[in-house]
Amino acid sequence: MTDTALIVIDAQESFRQRANWEEVDSPTYLKKQQALIDGGLKKGWKIVRVFHAEADGIFSPASGFVRPLAELKLDRPDLEFFKLRHSAFVGSPLEVFLIENGIRRLVVSGIRTEQCCETTARHGSDLGWQVDYVTEATHTMPLTDASGKTWTADEIKARTAAVLDGRFARVCTISEALGGAARAAAA
């Protein structure tokens, strides 16, 4: 029995419909995300697939875009659900599933690095789970702040890694995540 769950957050076709979807960077992300899924399956981890849903637009289930990115292969996740908030814990069956399955360690991946992935990692840590945050298996798009500065995807990933590592998670590579348990996050 495993004590680890891989959480694949919002890796869905909805994002391809946005003007800021980065087709240049997405093949690398998709390859890394699939490698993490495949490695987790080989390790016997529980696999959780989460979709972001909204009432209207491209994130509405009625749009037809709230489905896995076509390139990602994961036939039967152990848990799959729609979330309505940034954290995959809010208003979802995730916490109960993790407790019922004896999960102590979360491996966080998906889309968007600084938004739903980071929020879920922080929330999971605050609830007491050990968290591995696999930045290379997350994806995001450039973001312009209130001052007009545009942050690249790499800058956003670096910022997220800096604020999470040692506080809320162990920021690690795919091979490190597959290699062993996260250390407890610092207080």
N, C-alpha and C. Protein backbone atom coordinates (compact mmCIF):
# COMPACT_ATOMS: atom_id res chain seq x y z
N MET A 1 0.85 -1.20 0.00
CA MET A 1 0.00 0.00 0.00
C MET A 1 0.89 1.25 0.00
N THR A 2 0.50 2.23 -0.76
CA THR A 2 1.28 3.46 -0.88
C THR A 2 0.80 4.51 0.11
N ASP A 3 1.70 5.39 0.48
CA ASP A 3 1.31 6.53 1.31
C ASP A 3 1.42 7.83 0.52
N THR A 4 1.53 7.72 -0.82
CA THR A 4 1.75 8.88 -1.68
C THR A 4 0.62 9.01 -2.70
N ALA A 5 0.22 10.26 -2.93
CA ALA A 5 -0.76 10.56 -3.98
C ALA A 5 -0.20 11.64 -4.89
N LEU A 6 -0.29 11.39 -6.19
CA LEU A 6 0.05 12.39 -7.20
C LEU A 6 -1.23 13.15 -7.53
N ILE A 7 -1.16 14.47 -7.45
CA ILE A 7 -2.30 15.30 -7.78
C ILE A 7 -1.98 16.03 -9.09
N VAL A 8 -2.77 15.76 -10.11
CA VAL A 8 -2.63 16.40 -11.42
C VAL A 8 -3.74 17.44 -11.51
N ILE A 9 -3.36 18.70 -11.40
CA ILE A 9 -4.32 19.79 -11.26
C ILE A 9 -4.54 20.52 -12.58
N ASP A 10 -5.79 20.58 -13.01
CA ASP A 10 -6.23 21.44 -14.11
C ASP A 10 -5.48 21.24 -15.43
N ALA A 11 -4.97 20.06 -15.68
CA ALA A 11 -4.30 19.76 -16.95
C ALA A 11 -5.39 19.46 -17.98
N GLN A 12 -6.06 20.53 -18.40
CA GLN A 12 -7.29 20.40 -19.18
C GLN A 12 -7.26 21.28 -20.42
N GLU A 13 -8.08 20.89 -21.39
CA GLU A 13 -8.14 21.57 -22.68
C GLU A 13 -8.61 23.02 -22.58
N SER A 14 -9.26 23.40 -21.50
CA SER A 14 -9.73 24.78 -21.33
C SER A 14 -8.60 25.79 -21.55
N PHE A 15 -7.41 25.47 -21.06
CA PHE A 15 -6.30 26.41 -21.17
C PHE A 15 -5.87 26.65 -22.61
N ARG A 16 -6.01 25.65 -23.46
CA ARG A 16 -5.64 25.82 -24.88
C ARG A 16 -6.52 26.86 -25.57
N GLN A 17 -7.66 27.17 -25.00
CA GLN A 17 -8.59 28.12 -25.59
C GLN A 17 -8.23 29.56 -25.26
N ARG A 18 -7.30 29.75 -24.34
CA ARG A 18 -6.89 31.09 -23.95
C ARG A 18 -5.85 31.64 -24.91
N ALA A 19 -5.90 32.94 -25.13
CA ALA A 19 -4.95 33.60 -26.04
C ALA A 19 -3.51 33.49 -25.53
N ASN A 20 -3.32 33.36 -24.22
CA ASN A 20 -1.96 33.32 -23.67
C ASN A 20 -1.40 31.92 -23.50
N TRP A 21 -2.08 30.90 -24.04
CA TRP A 21 -1.55 29.53 -23.99
C TRP A 21 -0.22 29.51 -24.72
N GLU A 22 0.78 28.95 -24.09
CA GLU A 22 2.13 28.91 -24.65
C GLU A 22 2.38 27.59 -25.36
N GLU A 23 2.10 27.53 -26.64
CA GLU A 23 2.36 26.31 -27.41
C GLU A 23 3.85 26.01 -27.47
N VAL A 24 4.69 27.02 -27.35
CA VAL A 24 6.14 26.81 -27.39
C VAL A 24 6.59 25.99 -26.19
N ASP A 25 6.10 26.29 -25.00
CA ASP A 25 6.53 25.60 -23.78
C ASP A 25 5.69 24.37 -23.46
N SER A 26 4.51 24.27 -24.02
CA SER A 26 3.61 23.19 -23.61
C SER A 26 4.12 21.79 -23.94
N PRO A 27 4.82 21.54 -25.06
CA PRO A 27 5.31 20.17 -25.28
C PRO A 27 6.26 19.68 -24.18
N THR A 28 7.09 20.57 -23.67
CA THR A 28 7.98 20.18 -22.57
C THR A 28 7.18 19.85 -21.33
N TYR A 29 6.22 20.71 -21.00
CA TYR A 29 5.37 20.43 -19.84
C TYR A 29 4.65 19.09 -20.01
N LEU A 30 4.03 18.88 -21.16
CA LEU A 30 3.25 17.66 -21.39
C LEU A 30 4.13 16.42 -21.24
N LYS A 31 5.34 16.46 -21.76
CA LYS A 31 6.27 15.34 -21.64
C LYS A 31 6.62 15.08 -20.17
N LYS A 32 6.89 16.16 -19.43
CA LYS A 32 7.25 16.02 -18.01
C LYS A 32 6.05 15.55 -17.18
N GLN A 33 4.88 16.09 -17.47
CA GLN A 33 3.69 15.68 -16.73
C GLN A 33 3.42 14.20 -16.96
N GLN A 34 3.53 13.75 -18.21
CA GLN A 34 3.30 12.34 -18.50
C GLN A 34 4.34 11.46 -17.83
N ALA A 35 5.59 11.91 -17.80
CA ALA A 35 6.65 11.13 -17.13
C ALA A 35 6.34 10.97 -15.65
N LEU A 36 5.82 12.03 -15.02
CA LEU A 36 5.47 11.95 -13.61
C LEU A 36 4.27 11.02 -13.40
N ILE A 37 3.28 11.11 -14.25
CA ILE A 37 2.12 10.20 -14.16
C ILE A 37 2.59 8.76 -14.32
N ASP A 38 3.37 8.49 -15.35
CA ASP A 38 3.86 7.12 -15.60
C ASP A 38 4.69 6.61 -14.43
N GLY A 39 5.57 7.46 -13.91
CA GLY A 39 6.39 7.06 -12.77
C GLY A 39 5.56 6.79 -11.52
N GLY A 40 4.56 7.64 -11.28
CA GLY A 40 3.68 7.44 -10.14
C GLY A 40 2.89 6.15 -10.25
N LEU A 41 2.41 5.85 -11.45
CA LEU A 41 1.68 4.59 -11.66
C LEU A 41 2.59 3.40 -11.39
N LYS A 42 3.84 3.46 -11.86
CA LYS A 42 4.79 2.36 -11.63
C LYS A 42 5.08 2.19 -10.14
N LYS A 43 5.09 3.29 -9.40
CA LYS A 43 5.35 3.25 -7.96
C LYS A 43 4.12 2.80 -7.16
N GLY A 44 2.97 2.74 -7.82
CA GLY A 44 1.75 2.35 -7.13
C GLY A 44 1.09 3.49 -6.37
N TRP A 45 1.46 4.73 -6.70
CA TRP A 45 0.85 5.88 -6.05
C TRP A 45 -0.63 5.97 -6.41
N LYS A 46 -1.40 6.56 -5.53
CA LYS A 46 -2.76 6.95 -5.85
C LYS A 46 -2.66 8.16 -6.79
N ILE A 47 -3.48 8.18 -7.83
CA ILE A 47 -3.44 9.28 -8.79
C ILE A 47 -4.78 10.02 -8.73
N VAL A 48 -4.69 11.33 -8.53
CA VAL A 48 -5.87 12.19 -8.42
C VAL A 48 -5.83 13.18 -9.58
N ARG A 49 -6.92 13.21 -10.36
CA ARG A 49 -7.02 14.18 -11.45
C ARG A 49 -8.11 15.17 -11.09
N VAL A 50 -7.74 16.45 -11.17
CA VAL A 50 -8.64 17.54 -10.77
C VAL A 50 -8.86 18.46 -11.97
N PHE A 51 -10.10 18.84 -12.19
CA PHE A 51 -10.45 19.80 -13.24
C PHE A 51 -11.02 21.05 -12.61
N HIS A 52 -10.63 22.21 -13.15
CA HIS A 52 -11.24 23.46 -12.71
C HIS A 52 -12.52 23.68 -13.52
N ALA A 53 -13.60 24.02 -12.84
CA ALA A 53 -14.88 24.25 -13.50
C ALA A 53 -15.47 25.58 -13.06
N GLU A 54 -16.14 26.24 -13.98
CA GLU A 54 -16.86 27.48 -13.72
C GLU A 54 -18.23 27.39 -14.38
N ALA A 55 -19.12 28.29 -14.03
CA ALA A 55 -20.48 28.25 -14.55
C ALA A 55 -20.55 28.56 -16.05
N ASP A 56 -19.69 29.44 -16.53
CA ASP A 56 -19.74 29.88 -17.92
C ASP A 56 -18.35 29.86 -18.55
N GLY A 57 -18.31 29.97 -19.86
CA GLY A 57 -17.05 30.12 -20.58
C GLY A 57 -16.31 28.82 -20.81
N ILE A 58 -15.02 28.93 -21.10
CA ILE A 58 -14.21 27.77 -21.47
C ILE A 58 -13.94 26.81 -20.32
N PHE A 59 -14.23 27.25 -19.09
CA PHE A 59 -14.07 26.36 -17.94
C PHE A 59 -15.39 25.75 -17.49
N SER A 60 -16.44 26.01 -18.23
CA SER A 60 -17.73 25.39 -17.96
C SER A 60 -17.73 23.98 -18.53
N PRO A 61 -18.17 22.99 -17.77
CA PRO A 61 -18.26 21.64 -18.33
C PRO A 61 -19.07 21.59 -19.63
N ALA A 62 -20.04 22.48 -19.78
CA ALA A 62 -20.85 22.51 -21.00
C ALA A 62 -20.04 22.94 -22.22
N SER A 63 -18.90 23.58 -22.03
CA SER A 63 -18.07 24.04 -23.15
C SER A 63 -17.43 22.88 -23.90
N GLY A 64 -17.28 21.74 -23.23
CA GLY A 64 -16.59 20.61 -23.83
C GLY A 64 -15.09 20.64 -23.65
N PHE A 65 -14.55 21.71 -23.04
CA PHE A 65 -13.11 21.84 -22.86
C PHE A 65 -12.62 21.37 -21.49
N VAL A 66 -13.53 21.07 -20.58
CA VAL A 66 -13.13 20.60 -19.26
C VAL A 66 -12.93 19.08 -19.36
N ARG A 67 -11.82 18.75 -19.98
CA ARG A 67 -11.41 17.36 -20.20
C ARG A 67 -9.89 17.34 -20.24
N PRO A 68 -9.27 16.19 -20.06
CA PRO A 68 -7.80 16.13 -20.04
C PRO A 68 -7.18 16.66 -21.33
N LEU A 69 -6.00 17.26 -21.21
CA LEU A 69 -5.23 17.61 -22.39
C LEU A 69 -5.02 16.35 -23.21
N ALA A 70 -5.24 16.44 -24.49
CA ALA A 70 -5.27 15.26 -25.36
C ALA A 70 -4.00 14.40 -25.27
N GLU A 71 -2.86 15.02 -25.07
CA GLU A 71 -1.59 14.30 -25.05
C GLU A 71 -1.36 13.49 -23.77
N LEU A 72 -2.08 13.81 -22.72
CA LEU A 72 -1.86 13.13 -21.44
C LEU A 72 -2.67 11.85 -21.37
N LYS A 73 -2.00 10.78 -21.04
CA LYS A 73 -2.64 9.47 -20.96
C LYS A 73 -2.73 9.05 -19.50
N LEU A 74 -3.95 8.94 -19.03
CA LEU A 74 -4.24 8.46 -17.69
C LEU A 74 -5.65 7.89 -17.74
N ASP A 75 -5.73 6.58 -17.89
CA ASP A 75 -7.02 5.96 -18.13
C ASP A 75 -7.95 5.98 -16.92
N ARG A 76 -7.44 5.58 -15.77
CA ARG A 76 -8.31 5.44 -14.61
C ARG A 76 -7.66 6.03 -13.36
N PRO A 77 -7.83 7.33 -13.14
CA PRO A 77 -7.31 7.88 -11.89
C PRO A 77 -8.07 7.28 -10.70
N ASP A 78 -7.45 7.29 -9.56
CA ASP A 78 -8.10 6.76 -8.35
C ASP A 78 -9.20 7.69 -7.85
N LEU A 79 -9.06 8.97 -8.16
CA LEU A 79 -10.08 9.97 -7.82
C LEU A 79 -10.04 11.02 -8.90
N GLU A 80 -11.21 11.46 -9.33
CA GLU A 80 -11.32 12.53 -10.32
C GLU A 80 -12.51 13.40 -9.93
N PHE A 81 -12.31 14.72 -9.96
CA PHE A 81 -13.42 15.61 -9.59
C PHE A 81 -13.21 17.00 -10.18
N PHE A 82 -14.29 17.79 -10.18
CA PHE A 82 -14.25 19.19 -10.57
C PHE A 82 -14.09 20.01 -9.30
N LYS A 83 -13.31 21.07 -9.38
CA LYS A 83 -13.19 22.02 -8.28
C LYS A 83 -13.65 23.38 -8.75
N LEU A 84 -14.14 24.17 -7.82
CA LEU A 84 -14.65 25.50 -8.14
C LEU A 84 -13.77 26.61 -7.59
N ARG A 85 -12.76 26.27 -6.85
CA ARG A 85 -11.86 27.24 -6.22
C ARG A 85 -10.43 26.92 -6.63
N HIS A 86 -9.49 27.76 -6.21
CA HIS A 86 -8.08 27.54 -6.55
C HIS A 86 -7.51 26.30 -5.87
N SER A 87 -7.74 26.14 -4.60
CA SER A 87 -7.24 24.96 -3.89
C SER A 87 -8.09 23.74 -4.22
N ALA A 88 -7.42 22.65 -4.50
CA ALA A 88 -8.13 21.39 -4.78
C ALA A 88 -8.78 20.82 -3.53
N PHE A 89 -8.52 21.41 -2.38
CA PHE A 89 -9.11 20.94 -1.13
C PHE A 89 -10.48 21.56 -0.84
N VAL A 90 -10.75 22.73 -1.37
CA VAL A 90 -11.95 23.48 -1.01
C VAL A 90 -13.18 22.88 -1.70
N GLY A 91 -14.14 22.45 -0.89
CA GLY A 91 -15.40 21.95 -1.41
C GLY A 91 -15.28 20.70 -2.25
N SER A 92 -14.26 19.89 -2.00
CA SER A 92 -14.02 18.70 -2.81
C SER A 92 -13.89 17.46 -1.92
N PRO A 93 -13.86 16.29 -2.53
CA PRO A 93 -13.68 15.05 -1.78
C PRO A 93 -12.21 14.72 -1.48
N LEU A 94 -11.28 15.61 -1.82
CA LEU A 94 -9.85 15.29 -1.74
C LEU A 94 -9.39 14.92 -0.34
N GLU A 95 -9.67 15.74 0.65
CA GLU A 95 -9.17 15.48 2.00
C GLU A 95 -9.66 14.14 2.53
N VAL A 96 -10.94 13.85 2.35
CA VAL A 96 -11.50 12.58 2.83
C VAL A 96 -10.82 11.41 2.11
N PHE A 97 -10.65 11.51 0.79
CA PHE A 97 -9.99 10.47 0.02
C PHE A 97 -8.58 10.21 0.54
N LEU A 98 -7.82 11.27 0.80
CA LEU A 98 -6.44 11.11 1.28
C LEU A 98 -6.40 10.43 2.64
N ILE A 99 -7.27 10.85 3.53
CA ILE A 99 -7.32 10.25 4.87
C ILE A 99 -7.73 8.79 4.79
N GLU A 100 -8.79 8.52 4.04
CA GLU A 100 -9.28 7.13 3.93
C GLU A 100 -8.25 6.19 3.31
N ASN A 101 -7.35 6.72 2.49
CA ASN A 101 -6.35 5.90 1.82
C ASN A 101 -4.99 5.95 2.50
N GLY A 102 -4.90 6.55 3.67
CA GLY A 102 -3.65 6.57 4.42
C GLY A 102 -2.54 7.36 3.76
N ILE A 103 -2.89 8.36 3.00
CA ILE A 103 -1.90 9.17 2.28
C ILE A 103 -1.25 10.15 3.25
N ARG A 104 0.07 10.17 3.23
CA ARG A 104 0.84 11.11 4.05
C ARG A 104 1.62 12.11 3.21
N ARG A 105 1.79 11.78 1.94
CA ARG A 105 2.64 12.60 1.06
C ARG A 105 1.89 12.92 -0.23
N LEU A 106 1.93 14.20 -0.61
CA LEU A 106 1.32 14.67 -1.84
C LEU A 106 2.41 15.09 -2.82
N VAL A 107 2.24 14.73 -4.07
CA VAL A 107 3.11 15.19 -5.14
C VAL A 107 2.23 16.06 -6.04
N VAL A 108 2.54 17.36 -6.09
CA VAL A 108 1.69 18.33 -6.77
C VAL A 108 2.26 18.68 -8.14
N SER A 109 1.37 18.66 -9.15
CA SER A 109 1.74 19.01 -10.53
C SER A 109 0.53 19.59 -11.23
N GLY A 110 0.73 20.14 -12.43
CA GLY A 110 -0.40 20.59 -13.24
C GLY A 110 -0.29 22.01 -13.73
N ILE A 111 -1.44 22.64 -13.92
CA ILE A 111 -1.55 23.99 -14.48
C ILE A 111 -2.36 24.84 -13.49
N ARG A 112 -2.08 25.92 -13.23
CA ARG A 112 -1.06 26.92 -13.34
C ARG A 112 -0.14 26.84 -12.13
N THR A 113 1.13 26.98 -12.42
CA THR A 113 2.18 26.89 -11.42
C THR A 113 1.87 27.72 -10.19
N GLU A 114 1.61 29.02 -10.40
CA GLU A 114 1.48 30.00 -9.32
C GLU A 114 0.06 30.13 -8.79
N GLN A 115 -0.86 29.45 -9.38
CA GLN A 115 -2.25 29.65 -9.00
C GLN A 115 -2.78 28.39 -8.31
N CYS A 116 -3.42 27.52 -9.02
CA CYS A 116 -4.05 26.36 -8.39
C CYS A 116 -3.03 25.36 -7.84
N CYS A 117 -1.91 25.20 -8.51
CA CYS A 117 -0.89 24.26 -8.00
C CYS A 117 -0.27 24.78 -6.70
N GLU A 118 0.16 26.03 -6.71
CA GLU A 118 0.76 26.61 -5.51
C GLU A 118 -0.24 26.65 -4.36
N THR A 119 -1.47 27.06 -4.64
CA THR A 119 -2.49 27.16 -3.60
C THR A 119 -2.78 25.80 -2.98
N THR A 120 -2.88 24.78 -3.81
CA THR A 120 -3.12 23.42 -3.31
C THR A 120 -1.94 22.93 -2.48
N ALA A 121 -0.72 23.21 -2.91
CA ALA A 121 0.46 22.81 -2.14
C ALA A 121 0.46 23.47 -0.76
N ARG A 122 0.20 24.76 -0.71
CA ARG A 122 0.16 25.48 0.57
C ARG A 122 -0.94 24.91 1.48
N HIS A 123 -2.11 24.72 0.91
CA HIS A 123 -3.25 24.21 1.67
C HIS A 123 -2.95 22.81 2.21
N GLY A 124 -2.41 21.95 1.36
CA GLY A 124 -2.06 20.59 1.79
C GLY A 124 -1.05 20.59 2.92
N SER A 125 -0.05 21.45 2.81
CA SER A 125 0.95 21.57 3.87
C SER A 125 0.31 22.05 5.17
N ASP A 126 -0.54 23.06 5.07
CA ASP A 126 -1.21 23.59 6.26
C ASP A 126 -2.10 22.54 6.92
N LEU A 127 -2.62 21.61 6.14
CA LEU A 127 -3.46 20.53 6.69
C LEU A 127 -2.62 19.38 7.25
N GLY A 128 -1.31 19.42 7.05
CA GLY A 128 -0.44 18.42 7.67
C GLY A 128 0.21 17.40 6.75
N TRP A 129 -0.04 17.48 5.45
CA TRP A 129 0.60 16.54 4.54
C TRP A 129 2.02 16.99 4.21
N GLN A 130 2.89 16.03 3.95
CA GLN A 130 4.20 16.32 3.36
C GLN A 130 3.94 16.57 1.88
N VAL A 131 4.57 17.59 1.34
CA VAL A 131 4.29 17.97 -0.04
C VAL A 131 5.58 18.03 -0.85
N ASP A 132 5.56 17.35 -1.99
CA ASP A 132 6.58 17.52 -3.02
C ASP A 132 5.94 18.36 -4.10
N TYR A 133 6.60 19.44 -4.48
CA TYR A 133 6.12 20.32 -5.54
C TYR A 133 7.05 20.16 -6.72
N VAL A 134 6.56 19.57 -7.80
CA VAL A 134 7.40 19.23 -8.94
C VAL A 134 7.25 20.32 -10.00
N THR A 135 8.05 21.36 -9.87
CA THR A 135 7.94 22.54 -10.74
C THR A 135 8.04 22.18 -12.21
N GLU A 136 8.92 21.24 -12.56
CA GLU A 136 9.08 20.90 -13.98
C GLU A 136 7.83 20.22 -14.55
N ALA A 137 6.95 19.75 -13.70
CA ALA A 137 5.68 19.15 -14.15
C ALA A 137 4.52 20.08 -13.85
N THR A 138 4.81 21.39 -13.87
CA THR A 138 3.76 22.40 -13.80
C THR A 138 3.91 23.30 -15.03
N HIS A 139 2.85 24.00 -15.34
CA HIS A 139 2.85 24.87 -16.52
C HIS A 139 2.14 26.16 -16.17
N THR A 140 2.59 27.24 -16.76
CA THR A 140 1.92 28.52 -16.60
C THR A 140 2.17 29.37 -17.83
N MET A 141 1.59 30.54 -17.83
CA MET A 141 1.71 31.46 -18.93
C MET A 141 2.22 32.80 -18.40
N PRO A 142 2.80 33.64 -19.26
CA PRO A 142 3.25 34.96 -18.80
C PRO A 142 2.11 35.73 -18.15
N LEU A 143 2.49 36.62 -17.25
CA LEU A 143 1.53 37.38 -16.46
C LEU A 143 2.03 38.81 -16.34
N THR A 144 1.15 39.77 -16.57
CA THR A 144 1.52 41.18 -16.43
C THR A 144 0.93 41.70 -15.12
N ASP A 145 1.79 42.32 -14.30
CA ASP A 145 1.33 42.82 -13.00
C ASP A 145 0.81 44.25 -13.11
N ALA A 146 0.38 44.81 -11.99
CA ALA A 146 -0.25 46.13 -11.97
C ALA A 146 0.70 47.25 -12.41
N SER A 147 2.01 47.03 -12.27
CA SER A 147 2.98 48.05 -12.69
C SER A 147 3.27 47.99 -14.19
N GLY A 148 2.76 46.97 -14.86
CA GLY A 148 3.01 46.82 -16.28
C GLY A 148 4.14 45.86 -16.63
N LYS A 149 4.80 45.33 -15.61
CA LYS A 149 5.89 44.37 -15.85
C LYS A 149 5.28 43.03 -16.24
N THR A 150 5.81 42.43 -17.29
CA THR A 150 5.38 41.10 -17.69
C THR A 150 6.38 40.09 -17.16
N TRP A 151 5.87 39.14 -16.41
CA TRP A 151 6.67 38.06 -15.83
C TRP A 151 6.60 36.86 -16.78
N THR A 152 7.74 36.32 -17.14
CA THR A 152 7.76 35.15 -18.01
C THR A 152 7.33 33.92 -17.22
N ALA A 153 7.00 32.87 -17.94
CA ALA A 153 6.65 31.61 -17.27
C ALA A 153 7.82 31.13 -16.40
N ASP A 154 9.04 31.25 -16.88
CA ASP A 154 10.21 30.82 -16.09
C ASP A 154 10.37 31.66 -14.83
N GLU A 155 10.12 32.96 -14.91
CA GLU A 155 10.21 33.81 -13.73
C GLU A 155 9.12 33.45 -12.71
N ILE A 156 7.94 33.17 -13.19
CA ILE A 156 6.85 32.78 -12.29
C ILE A 156 7.18 31.46 -11.61
N LYS A 157 7.71 30.50 -12.36
CA LYS A 157 8.09 29.21 -11.78
C LYS A 157 9.18 29.39 -10.72
N ALA A 158 10.16 30.24 -11.01
CA ALA A 158 11.25 30.49 -10.05
C ALA A 158 10.72 31.14 -8.78
N ARG A 159 9.81 32.08 -8.92
CA ARG A 159 9.22 32.74 -7.76
C ARG A 159 8.42 31.76 -6.92
N THR A 160 7.63 30.93 -7.57
CA THR A 160 6.84 29.93 -6.85
C THR A 160 7.75 28.96 -6.11
N ALA A 161 8.79 28.49 -6.77
CA ALA A 161 9.74 27.58 -6.12
C ALA A 161 10.37 28.23 -4.90
N ALA A 162 10.74 29.50 -5.03
CA ALA A 162 11.39 30.20 -3.91
C ALA A 162 10.48 30.33 -2.70
N VAL A 163 9.21 30.62 -2.92
CA VAL A 163 8.31 30.84 -1.78
C VAL A 163 7.81 29.53 -1.16
N LEU A 164 7.80 28.45 -1.94
CA LEU A 164 7.32 27.17 -1.40
C LEU A 164 8.41 26.35 -0.72
N ASP A 165 9.59 26.31 -1.31
CA ASP A 165 10.63 25.38 -0.87
C ASP A 165 11.05 25.60 0.58
N GLY A 166 10.95 24.53 1.36
CA GLY A 166 11.36 24.58 2.75
C GLY A 166 10.33 25.20 3.68
N ARG A 167 9.28 25.76 3.11
CA ARG A 167 8.22 26.35 3.92
C ARG A 167 6.95 25.52 3.84
N PHE A 168 6.51 25.28 2.61
CA PHE A 168 5.28 24.54 2.39
C PHE A 168 5.51 23.21 1.68
N ALA A 169 6.69 23.07 1.07
CA ALA A 169 6.94 21.89 0.25
C ALA A 169 8.43 21.68 0.06
N ARG A 170 8.74 20.51 -0.46
CA ARG A 170 10.06 20.26 -1.02
C ARG A 170 9.89 20.47 -2.51
N VAL A 171 10.52 21.49 -3.05
CA VAL A 171 10.50 21.70 -4.49
C VAL A 171 11.53 20.74 -5.07
N CYS A 172 11.09 19.92 -6.02
CA CYS A 172 11.98 18.87 -6.50
C CYS A 172 11.72 18.54 -7.96
N THR A 173 12.62 17.74 -8.49
CA THR A 173 12.49 17.24 -9.86
C THR A 173 11.60 16.00 -9.86
N ILE A 174 11.27 15.55 -11.05
CA ILE A 174 10.50 14.32 -11.18
C ILE A 174 11.27 13.16 -10.56
N SER A 175 12.55 13.05 -10.88
CA SER A 175 13.32 11.91 -10.35
C SER A 175 13.43 11.97 -8.83
N GLU A 176 13.55 13.16 -8.26
CA GLU A 176 13.59 13.28 -6.80
C GLU A 176 12.25 12.88 -6.19
N ALA A 177 11.16 13.32 -6.80
CA ALA A 177 9.83 12.95 -6.28
C ALA A 177 9.64 11.44 -6.34
N LEU A 178 10.04 10.83 -7.45
CA LEU A 178 9.89 9.38 -7.59
C LEU A 178 10.86 8.62 -6.68
N GLY A 179 11.92 9.31 -6.27
CA GLY A 179 12.95 8.66 -5.46
C GLY A 179 12.65 8.54 -3.97
N GLY A 180 11.78 9.37 -3.46
CA GLY A 180 11.52 9.26 -2.04
C GLY A 180 10.68 10.36 -1.46
N ALA A 181 10.39 10.17 -0.18
CA ALA A 181 9.47 11.02 0.54
C ALA A 181 10.01 12.42 0.74
N ALA A 182 9.10 13.36 0.79
CA ALA A 182 9.42 14.74 1.07
C ALA A 182 9.83 14.89 2.53
N ARG A 183 10.70 15.83 2.77
CA ARG A 183 11.02 16.17 4.16
C ARG A 183 9.89 17.04 4.69
N ALA A 184 9.76 17.11 5.97
CA ALA A 184 8.73 17.96 6.56
C ALA A 184 9.05 19.42 6.23
N ALA A 185 8.06 20.19 5.88
CA ALA A 185 8.25 21.60 5.58
C ALA A 185 8.58 22.36 6.86
N ALA A 186 9.41 23.37 6.71
CA ALA A 186 9.78 24.21 7.86
C ALA A 186 8.59 25.04 8.30
N ALA A 187 8.59 25.40 9.55
CA ALA A 187 7.49 26.23 10.07
C ALA A 187 7.67 27.67 9.71
